[in-house]
């Protein structure tokens, strides 16, 4: 079932692929859910016009995502995979 992902991600078991997919799901939903309340704690940001607040919200969510990806990866025992994943991602983006 997960053969393509196992080959692409260089992992050995279906359980490992499942853990990685769970980490991606948790990270995506929690980074978006946590960013809003964090930004609203700052009174300066809370009073911004929506266009500026939304721009800062998107940028903050992307930054928080990186940290949460490694954190949840660590919780699920896949920290090394996600560190390598982020390194590859940023290498592709900088080229």
PDB file of N, CA and C in Angstrom:
ATOM      1  N   UNK A   1       0.807  -1.195   0.000  1.00  0.00           N
ATOM      2  CA  UNK A   1       0.000   0.000   0.000  1.00  0.00           C
ATOM      3  C   UNK A   1       0.856   1.267   0.000  1.00  0.00           C
ATOM      4  N   UNK A   2       1.914   1.283   0.797  1.00  0.00           N
ATOM      5  CA  UNK A   2       2.773   2.461   0.916  1.00  0.00           C
ATOM      6  C   UNK A   2       4.089   2.302   0.165  1.00  0.00           C
ATOM      7  N   UNK A   3       4.140   1.407  -0.791  1.00  0.00           N
ATOM      8  CA  UNK A   3       5.417   1.079  -1.435  1.00  0.00           C
ATOM      9  C   UNK A   3       6.090   2.293  -2.083  1.00  0.00           C
ATOM     10  N   UNK A   4       5.317   3.125  -2.778  1.00  0.00           N
ATOM     11  CA  UNK A   4       5.914   4.303  -3.426  1.00  0.00           C
ATOM     12  C   UNK A   4       6.499   5.266  -2.392  1.00  0.00           C
ATOM     13  N   UNK A   5       5.764   5.476  -1.302  1.00  0.00           N
ATOM     14  CA  UNK A   5       6.258   6.387  -0.261  1.00  0.00           C
ATOM     15  C   UNK A   5       7.483   5.806   0.440  1.00  0.00           C
ATOM     16  N   UNK A   6       7.471   4.501   0.692  1.00  0.00           N
ATOM     17  CA  UNK A   6       8.632   3.878   1.336  1.00  0.00           C
ATOM     18  C   UNK A   6       9.874   4.051   0.485  1.00  0.00           C
ATOM     19  N   UNK A   7       9.720   3.865  -0.809  1.00  0.00           N
ATOM     20  CA  UNK A   7      10.859   4.014  -1.712  1.00  0.00           C
ATOM     21  C   UNK A   7      11.298   5.478  -1.789  1.00  0.00           C
ATOM     22  N   UNK A   8      10.336   6.385  -1.933  1.00  0.00           N
ATOM     23  CA  UNK A   8      10.649   7.814  -2.065  1.00  0.00           C
ATOM     24  C   UNK A   8      11.305   8.374  -0.802  1.00  0.00           C
ATOM     25  N   UNK A   9      10.790   7.957   0.350  1.00  0.00           N
ATOM     26  CA  UNK A   9      11.304   8.478   1.625  1.00  0.00           C
ATOM     27  C   UNK A   9      12.406   7.617   2.214  1.00  0.00           C
ATOM     28  N   UNK A  10      12.743   6.514   1.558  1.00  0.00           N
ATOM     29  CA  UNK A  10      13.796   5.618   2.017  1.00  0.00           C
ATOM     30  C   UNK A  10      13.532   5.109   3.437  1.00  0.00           C
ATOM     31  N   UNK A  11      12.314   4.611   3.648  1.00  0.00           N
ATOM     32  CA  UNK A  11      11.946   4.006   4.918  1.00  0.00           C
ATOM     33  C   UNK A  11      11.597   2.550   4.686  1.00  0.00           C
ATOM     34  N   UNK A  12      11.540   1.777   5.760  1.00  0.00           N
ATOM     35  CA  UNK A  12      11.443   0.332   5.589  1.00  0.00           C
ATOM     36  C   UNK A  12      10.085  -0.279   5.907  1.00  0.00           C
ATOM     37  N   UNK A  13       9.276   0.377   6.735  1.00  0.00           N
ATOM     38  CA  UNK A  13       8.036  -0.275   7.152  1.00  0.00           C
ATOM     39  C   UNK A  13       6.812   0.604   6.924  1.00  0.00           C
ATOM     40  N   UNK A  14       5.671  -0.057   6.814  1.00  0.00           N
ATOM     41  CA  UNK A  14       4.407   0.657   6.694  1.00  0.00           C
ATOM     42  C   UNK A  14       4.119   1.462   7.960  1.00  0.00           C
ATOM     43  N   UNK A  15       4.521   0.933   9.103  1.00  0.00           N
ATOM     44  CA  UNK A  15       4.320   1.634  10.369  1.00  0.00           C
ATOM     45  C   UNK A  15       5.090   2.955  10.381  1.00  0.00           C
ATOM     46  N   UNK A  16       6.295   2.941   9.855  1.00  0.00           N
ATOM     47  CA  UNK A  16       7.092   4.163   9.785  1.00  0.00           C
ATOM     48  C   UNK A  16       6.430   5.189   8.865  1.00  0.00           C
ATOM     49  N   UNK A  17       5.906   4.758   7.739  1.00  0.00           N
ATOM     50  CA  UNK A  17       5.201   5.659   6.826  1.00  0.00           C
ATOM     51  C   UNK A  17       3.965   6.232   7.520  1.00  0.00           C
ATOM     52  N   UNK A  18       3.240   5.401   8.256  1.00  0.00           N
ATOM     53  CA  UNK A  18       2.060   5.863   8.982  1.00  0.00           C
ATOM     54  C   UNK A  18       2.430   6.923  10.005  1.00  0.00           C
ATOM     55  N   UNK A  19       3.517   6.703  10.745  1.00  0.00           N
ATOM     56  CA  UNK A  19       3.965   7.699  11.720  1.00  0.00           C
ATOM     57  C   UNK A  19       4.310   9.016  11.037  1.00  0.00           C
ATOM     58  N   UNK A  20       4.975   8.950   9.905  1.00  0.00           N
ATOM     59  CA  UNK A  20       5.363  10.159   9.172  1.00  0.00           C
ATOM     60  C   UNK A  20       4.123  10.908   8.695  1.00  0.00           C
ATOM     61  N   UNK A  21       3.141  10.196   8.175  1.00  0.00           N
ATOM     62  CA  UNK A  21       1.910  10.845   7.717  1.00  0.00           C
ATOM     63  C   UNK A  21       1.140  11.479   8.872  1.00  0.00           C
ATOM     64  N   UNK A  22       1.139  10.825  10.024  1.00  0.00           N
ATOM     65  CA  UNK A  22       0.484  11.382  11.213  1.00  0.00           C
ATOM     66  C   UNK A  22       1.193  12.659  11.649  1.00  0.00           C
ATOM     67  N   UNK A  23       2.516  12.659  11.604  1.00  0.00           N
ATOM     68  CA  UNK A  23       3.276  13.860  11.969  1.00  0.00           C
ATOM     69  C   UNK A  23       2.945  15.012  11.025  1.00  0.00           C
ATOM     70  N   UNK A  24       2.883  14.747   9.728  1.00  0.00           N
ATOM     71  CA  UNK A  24       2.515  15.801   8.780  1.00  0.00           C
ATOM     72  C   UNK A  24       1.115  16.345   9.081  1.00  0.00           C
ATOM     73  N   UNK A  25       0.180  15.461   9.380  1.00  0.00           N
ATOM     74  CA  UNK A  25      -1.194  15.892   9.664  1.00  0.00           C
ATOM     75  C   UNK A  25      -1.256  16.731  10.939  1.00  0.00           C
ATOM     76  N   UNK A  26      -0.623  16.261  11.994  1.00  0.00           N
ATOM     77  CA  UNK A  26      -0.619  17.008  13.258  1.00  0.00           C
ATOM     78  C   UNK A  26       0.053  18.367  13.109  1.00  0.00           C
ATOM     79  N   UNK A  27       1.151  18.388  12.394  1.00  0.00           N
ATOM     80  CA  UNK A  27       1.902  19.628  12.232  1.00  0.00           C
ATOM     81  C   UNK A  27       1.106  20.663  11.457  1.00  0.00           C
ATOM     82  N   UNK A  28       0.497  20.260  10.367  1.00  0.00           N
ATOM     83  CA  UNK A  28      -0.265  21.201   9.556  1.00  0.00           C
ATOM     84  C   UNK A  28      -1.423  21.815  10.305  1.00  0.00           C
ATOM     85  N   UNK A  29      -2.201  20.972  10.958  1.00  0.00           N
ATOM     86  CA  UNK A  29      -3.378  21.496  11.649  1.00  0.00           C
ATOM     87  C   UNK A  29      -3.003  22.295  12.888  1.00  0.00           C
ATOM     88  N   UNK A  30      -2.017  21.852  13.643  1.00  0.00           N
ATOM     89  CA  UNK A  30      -1.667  22.570  14.871  1.00  0.00           C
ATOM     90  C   UNK A  30      -0.943  23.883  14.594  1.00  0.00           C
ATOM     91  N   UNK A  31      -0.143  23.948  13.540  1.00  0.00           N
ATOM     92  CA  UNK A  31       0.545  25.210  13.259  1.00  0.00           C
ATOM     93  C   UNK A  31      -0.447  26.295  12.878  1.00  0.00           C
ATOM     94  N   UNK A  32      -1.458  25.942  12.119  1.00  0.00           N
ATOM     95  CA  UNK A  32      -2.476  26.926  11.744  1.00  0.00           C
ATOM     96  C   UNK A  32      -3.348  27.302  12.939  1.00  0.00           C
ATOM     97  N   UNK A  33      -3.625  26.337  13.798  1.00  0.00           N
ATOM     98  CA  UNK A  33      -4.489  26.577  14.950  1.00  0.00           C
ATOM     99  C   UNK A  33      -3.797  27.411  16.032  1.00  0.00           C
ATOM    100  N   UNK A  34      -2.509  27.245  16.207  1.00  0.00           N
ATOM    101  CA  UNK A  34      -1.774  27.917  17.278  1.00  0.00           C
ATOM    102  C   UNK A  34      -1.340  29.328  16.884  1.00  0.00           C
ATOM    103  N   UNK A  35      -1.084  29.573  15.617  1.00  0.00           N
ATOM    104  CA  UNK A  35      -0.544  30.864  15.189  1.00  0.00           C
ATOM    105  C   UNK A  35      -1.478  32.024  15.492  1.00  0.00           C
ATOM    106  N   UNK A  36      -2.757  31.887  15.207  1.00  0.00           N
ATOM    107  CA  UNK A  36      -3.717  32.972  15.428  1.00  0.00           C
ATOM    108  C   UNK A  36      -3.724  33.475  16.867  1.00  0.00           C
ATOM    109  N   UNK A  37      -3.959  32.590  17.837  1.00  0.00           N
ATOM    110  CA  UNK A  37      -3.945  33.043  19.233  1.00  0.00           C
ATOM    111  C   UNK A  37      -2.599  33.622  19.664  1.00  0.00           C
ATOM    112  N   UNK A  38      -1.508  33.072  19.161  1.00  0.00           N
ATOM    113  CA  UNK A  38      -0.191  33.627  19.510  1.00  0.00           C
ATOM    114  C   UNK A  38      -0.041  35.053  18.998  1.00  0.00           C
ATOM    115  N   UNK A  39      -0.466  35.293  17.782  1.00  0.00           N
ATOM    116  CA  UNK A  39      -0.358  36.639  17.221  1.00  0.00           C
ATOM    117  C   UNK A  39      -1.293  37.623  17.927  1.00  0.00           C
ATOM    118  N   UNK A  40      -2.460  37.151  18.335  1.00  0.00           N
ATOM    119  CA  UNK A  40      -3.414  38.037  18.992  1.00  0.00           C
ATOM    120  C   UNK A  40      -2.995  38.416  20.412  1.00  0.00           C
ATOM    121  N   UNK A  41      -2.007  37.704  20.965  1.00  0.00           N
ATOM    122  CA  UNK A  41      -1.467  38.081  22.275  1.00  0.00           C
ATOM    123  C   UNK A  41      -0.732  39.419  22.211  1.00  0.00           C
ATOM    124  N   UNK A  42      -0.211  39.747  21.048  1.00  0.00           N
ATOM    125  CA  UNK A  42       0.504  41.001  20.856  1.00  0.00           C
ATOM    126  C   UNK A  42      -0.508  42.079  20.469  1.00  0.00           C
ATOM    127  N   UNK A  43      -0.725  43.067  21.341  1.00  0.00           N
ATOM    128  CA  UNK A  43      -1.753  44.075  21.044  1.00  0.00           C
ATOM    129  C   UNK A  43      -1.467  44.885  19.776  1.00  0.00           C
ATOM    130  N   UNK A  44      -0.207  45.071  19.447  1.00  0.00           N
ATOM    131  CA  UNK A  44       0.128  45.807  18.231  1.00  0.00           C
ATOM    132  C   UNK A  44      -0.364  45.058  16.999  1.00  0.00           C
ATOM    133  N   UNK A  45      -0.162  43.740  16.972  1.00  0.00           N
ATOM    134  CA  UNK A  45      -0.587  42.938  15.826  1.00  0.00           C
ATOM    135  C   UNK A  45      -2.099  42.790  15.777  1.00  0.00           C
ATOM    136  N   UNK A  46      -2.726  42.705  16.935  1.00  0.00           N
ATOM    137  CA  UNK A  46      -4.181  42.506  16.980  1.00  0.00           C
ATOM    138  C   UNK A  46      -4.928  43.687  16.368  1.00  0.00           C
ATOM    139  N   UNK A  47      -4.334  44.886  16.413  1.00  0.00           N
ATOM    140  CA  UNK A  47      -5.004  46.064  15.885  1.00  0.00           C
ATOM    141  C   UNK A  47      -4.691  46.369  14.432  1.00  0.00           C
ATOM    142  N   UNK A  48      -3.938  45.522  13.774  1.00  0.00           N
ATOM    143  CA  UNK A  48      -3.579  45.763  12.370  1.00  0.00           C
ATOM    144  C   UNK A  48      -4.770  45.570  11.439  1.00  0.00           C
ATOM    145  N   UNK A  49      -4.675  46.205  10.297  1.00  0.00           N
ATOM    146  CA  UNK A  49      -5.679  45.974   9.263  1.00  0.00           C
ATOM    147  C   UNK A  49      -5.597  44.505   8.830  1.00  0.00           C
ATOM    148  N   UNK A  50      -6.725  43.944   8.396  1.00  0.00           N
ATOM    149  CA  UNK A  50      -6.744  42.512   8.055  1.00  0.00           C
ATOM    150  C   UNK A  50      -5.693  42.088   7.032  1.00  0.00           C
ATOM    151  N   UNK A  51      -5.407  42.907   6.041  1.00  0.00           N
ATOM    152  CA  UNK A  51      -4.440  42.497   5.013  1.00  0.00           C
ATOM    153  C   UNK A  51      -3.047  42.306   5.605  1.00  0.00           C
ATOM    154  N   UNK A  52      -2.666  43.181   6.518  1.00  0.00           N
ATOM    155  CA  UNK A  52      -1.356  43.068   7.155  1.00  0.00           C
ATOM    156  C   UNK A  52      -1.321  41.923   8.159  1.00  0.00           C
ATOM    157  N   UNK A  53      -2.398  41.804   8.939  1.00  0.00           N
ATOM    158  CA  UNK A  53      -2.457  40.717   9.915  1.00  0.00           C
ATOM    159  C   UNK A  53      -2.412  39.369   9.210  1.00  0.00           C
ATOM    160  N   UNK A  54      -3.164  39.226   8.129  1.00  0.00           N
ATOM    161  CA  UNK A  54      -3.195  37.953   7.399  1.00  0.00           C
ATOM    162  C   UNK A  54      -1.836  37.622   6.794  1.00  0.00           C
ATOM    163  N   UNK A  55      -1.138  38.621   6.308  1.00  0.00           N
ATOM    164  CA  UNK A  55       0.202  38.390   5.752  1.00  0.00           C
ATOM    165  C   UNK A  55       1.148  37.893   6.842  1.00  0.00           C
ATOM    166  N   UNK A  56       1.116  38.553   7.988  1.00  0.00           N
ATOM    167  CA  UNK A  56       1.961  38.127   9.110  1.00  0.00           C
ATOM    168  C   UNK A  56       1.542  36.746   9.590  1.00  0.00           C
ATOM    169  N   UNK A  57       0.244  36.473   9.579  1.00  0.00           N
ATOM    170  CA  UNK A  57      -0.278  35.167   9.992  1.00  0.00           C
ATOM    171  C   UNK A  57       0.286  34.044   9.118  1.00  0.00           C
ATOM    172  N   UNK A  58       0.279  34.243   7.811  1.00  0.00           N
ATOM    173  CA  UNK A  58       0.786  33.215   6.889  1.00  0.00           C
ATOM    174  C   UNK A  58       2.276  32.995   7.106  1.00  0.00           C
ATOM    175  N   UNK A  59       3.031  34.067   7.218  1.00  0.00           N
ATOM    176  CA  UNK A  59       4.478  33.941   7.425  1.00  0.00           C
ATOM    177  C   UNK A  59       4.766  33.247   8.745  1.00  0.00           C
ATOM    178  N   UNK A  60       4.071  33.655   9.813  1.00  0.00           N
ATOM    179  CA  UNK A  60       4.281  33.041  11.131  1.00  0.00           C
ATOM    180  C   UNK A  60       3.896  31.566  11.118  1.00  0.00           C
ATOM    181  N   UNK A  61       2.832  31.232  10.403  1.00  0.00           N
ATOM    182  CA  UNK A  61       2.417  29.823  10.323  1.00  0.00           C
ATOM    183  C   UNK A  61       3.489  28.985   9.629  1.00  0.00           C
ATOM    184  N   UNK A  62       4.071  29.513   8.567  1.00  0.00           N
ATOM    185  CA  UNK A  62       5.122  28.777   7.853  1.00  0.00           C
ATOM    186  C   UNK A  62       6.361  28.579   8.722  1.00  0.00           C
ATOM    187  N   UNK A  63       6.709  29.592   9.500  1.00  0.00           N
ATOM    188  CA  UNK A  63       7.872  29.474  10.389  1.00  0.00           C
ATOM    189  C   UNK A  63       7.581  28.478  11.505  1.00  0.00           C
ATOM    190  N   UNK A  64       6.417  28.609  12.132  1.00  0.00           N
ATOM    191  CA  UNK A  64       6.053  27.697  13.220  1.00  0.00           C
ATOM    192  C   UNK A  64       5.970  26.256  12.725  1.00  0.00           C
ATOM    193  N   UNK A  65       5.519  26.074  11.491  1.00  0.00           N
ATOM    194  CA  UNK A  65       5.401  24.742  10.903  1.00  0.00           C
ATOM    195  C   UNK A  65       6.736  23.993  10.947  1.00  0.00           C
ATOM    196  N   UNK A  66       7.810  24.694  10.625  1.00  0.00           N
ATOM    197  CA  UNK A  66       9.127  24.057  10.594  1.00  0.00           C
ATOM    198  C   UNK A  66       9.516  23.512  11.970  1.00  0.00           C
ATOM    199  N   UNK A  67       9.274  24.328  12.998  1.00  0.00           N
ATOM    200  CA  UNK A  67       9.611  23.907  14.359  1.00  0.00           C
ATOM    201  C   UNK A  67       8.711  22.762  14.832  1.00  0.00           C
ATOM    202  N   UNK A  68       7.434  22.869  14.548  1.00  0.00           N
ATOM    203  CA  UNK A  68       6.510  21.812  14.975  1.00  0.00           C
ATOM    204  C   UNK A  68       6.769  20.504  14.239  1.00  0.00           C
ATOM    205  N   UNK A  69       7.206  20.582  12.998  1.00  0.00           N
ATOM    206  CA  UNK A  69       7.500  19.371  12.238  1.00  0.00           C
ATOM    207  C   UNK A  69       8.606  18.572  12.917  1.00  0.00           C
ATOM    208  N   UNK A  70       9.646  19.250  13.340  1.00  0.00           N
ATOM    209  CA  UNK A  70      10.738  18.561  14.039  1.00  0.00           C
ATOM    210  C   UNK A  70      10.279  18.104  15.422  1.00  0.00           C
ATOM    211  N   UNK A  71       9.488  18.933  16.117  1.00  0.00           N
ATOM    212  CA  UNK A  71       9.009  18.566  17.456  1.00  0.00           C
ATOM    213  C   UNK A  71       8.138  17.314  17.409  1.00  0.00           C
ATOM    214  N   UNK A  72       7.128  17.312  16.523  1.00  0.00           N
ATOM    215  CA  UNK A  72       6.267  16.129  16.420  1.00  0.00           C
ATOM    216  C   UNK A  72       7.045  14.930  15.873  1.00  0.00           C
ATOM    217  N   UNK A  73       7.981  15.185  14.987  1.00  0.00           N
ATOM    218  CA  UNK A  73       8.844  14.107  14.507  1.00  0.00           C
ATOM    219  C   UNK A  73       9.624  13.482  15.648  1.00  0.00           C
ATOM    220  N   UNK A  74      10.112  14.306  16.553  1.00  0.00           N
ATOM    221  CA  UNK A  74      10.834  13.819  17.727  1.00  0.00           C
ATOM    222  C   UNK A  74       9.897  13.002  18.621  1.00  0.00           C
ATOM    223  N   UNK A  75       8.675  13.500  18.841  1.00  0.00           N
ATOM    224  CA  UNK A  75       7.713  12.771  19.683  1.00  0.00           C
ATOM    225  C   UNK A  75       7.405  11.382  19.118  1.00  0.00           C
ATOM    226  N   UNK A  76       7.356  11.281  17.805  1.00  0.00           N
ATOM    227  CA  UNK A  76       7.033  10.005  17.165  1.00  0.00           C
ATOM    228  C   UNK A  76       8.274   9.189  16.799  1.00  0.00           C
ATOM    229  N   UNK A  77       9.440   9.652  17.202  1.00  0.00           N
ATOM    230  CA  UNK A  77      10.672   8.906  16.948  1.00  0.00           C
ATOM    231  C   UNK A  77      11.194   9.020  15.529  1.00  0.00           C
ATOM    232  N   UNK A  78      10.817  10.052  14.819  1.00  0.00           N
ATOM    233  CA  UNK A  78      11.232  10.226  13.421  1.00  0.00           C
ATOM    234  C   UNK A  78      11.944  11.565  13.205  1.00  0.00           C
ATOM    235  N   UNK A  79      12.603  12.065  14.230  1.00  0.00           N
ATOM    236  CA  UNK A  79      13.244  13.385  14.148  1.00  0.00           C
ATOM    237  C   UNK A  79      14.258  13.456  13.010  1.00  0.00           C
ATOM    238  N   UNK A  80      15.071  12.437  12.863  1.00  0.00           N
ATOM    239  CA  UNK A  80      16.106  12.445  11.826  1.00  0.00           C
ATOM    240  C   UNK A  80      15.487  12.542  10.437  1.00  0.00           C
ATOM    241  N   UNK A  81      14.381  11.829  10.222  1.00  0.00           N
ATOM    242  CA  UNK A  81      13.704  11.896   8.924  1.00  0.00           C
ATOM    243  C   UNK A  81      13.279  13.320   8.612  1.00  0.00           C
ATOM    244  N   UNK A  82      12.690  14.005   9.593  1.00  0.00           N
ATOM    245  CA  UNK A  82      12.163  15.339   9.336  1.00  0.00           C
ATOM    246  C   UNK A  82      13.260  16.400   9.240  1.00  0.00           C
ATOM    247  N   UNK A  83      14.337  16.210   9.944  1.00  0.00           N
ATOM    248  CA  UNK A  83      15.462  17.135   9.780  1.00  0.00           C
ATOM    249  C   UNK A  83      16.016  17.008   8.366  1.00  0.00           C
ATOM    250  N   UNK A  84      16.201  15.782   7.897  1.00  0.00           N
ATOM    251  CA  UNK A  84      16.665  15.578   6.518  1.00  0.00           C
ATOM    252  C   UNK A  84      15.636  16.085   5.516  1.00  0.00           C
ATOM    253  N   UNK A  85      14.359  15.887   5.797  1.00  0.00           N
ATOM    254  CA  UNK A  85      13.289  16.360   4.924  1.00  0.00           C
ATOM    255  C   UNK A  85      13.351  17.875   4.759  1.00  0.00           C
ATOM    256  N   UNK A  86      13.527  18.593   5.873  1.00  0.00           N
ATOM    257  CA  UNK A  86      13.601  20.054   5.817  1.00  0.00           C
ATOM    258  C   UNK A  86      14.875  20.524   5.116  1.00  0.00           C
ATOM    259  N   UNK A  87      15.978  19.826   5.349  1.00  0.00           N
ATOM    260  CA  UNK A  87      17.224  20.192   4.658  1.00  0.00           C
ATOM    261  C   UNK A  87      17.059  20.063   3.151  1.00  0.00           C
ATOM    262  N   UNK A  88      16.458  18.955   2.698  1.00  0.00           N
ATOM    263  CA  UNK A  88      16.217  18.769   1.269  1.00  0.00           C
ATOM    264  C   UNK A  88      15.277  19.842   0.738  1.00  0.00           C
ATOM    265  N   UNK A  89      14.242  20.148   1.501  1.00  0.00           N
ATOM    266  CA  UNK A  89      13.265  21.147   1.089  1.00  0.00           C
ATOM    267  C   UNK A  89      13.927  22.504   0.889  1.00  0.00           C
ATOM    268  N   UNK A  90      14.741  22.933   1.841  1.00  0.00           N
ATOM    269  CA  UNK A  90      15.370  24.244   1.724  1.00  0.00           C
ATOM    270  C   UNK A  90      16.463  24.263   0.658  1.00  0.00           C
ATOM    271  N   UNK A  91      17.117  23.144   0.434  1.00  0.00           N
ATOM    272  CA  UNK A  91      18.103  23.077  -0.645  1.00  0.00           C
ATOM    273  C   UNK A  91      17.437  23.265  -2.003  1.00  0.00           C
ATOM    274  N   UNK A  92      16.269  22.651  -2.184  1.00  0.00           N
ATOM    275  CA  UNK A  92      15.537  22.787  -3.444  1.00  0.00           C
ATOM    276  C   UNK A  92      15.043  24.219  -3.637  1.00  0.00           C
ATOM    277  N   UNK A  93      14.649  24.872  -2.577  1.00  0.00           N
ATOM    278  CA  UNK A  93      14.094  26.220  -2.650  1.00  0.00           C
ATOM    279  C   UNK A  93      15.179  27.264  -2.909  1.00  0.00           C
ATOM    280  N   UNK A  94      16.397  26.999  -2.454  1.00  0.00           N
ATOM    281  CA  UNK A  94      17.464  27.993  -2.607  1.00  0.00           C
ATOM    282  C   UNK A  94      18.135  27.907  -3.973  1.00  0.00           C
ATOM    283  N   UNK A  95      17.873  26.850  -4.722  1.00  0.00           N
ATOM    284  CA  UNK A  95      18.501  26.695  -6.036  1.00  0.00           C
ATOM    285  C   UNK A  95      17.834  27.505  -7.102  1.00  0.00           C
TER     286      UNK A  95
END
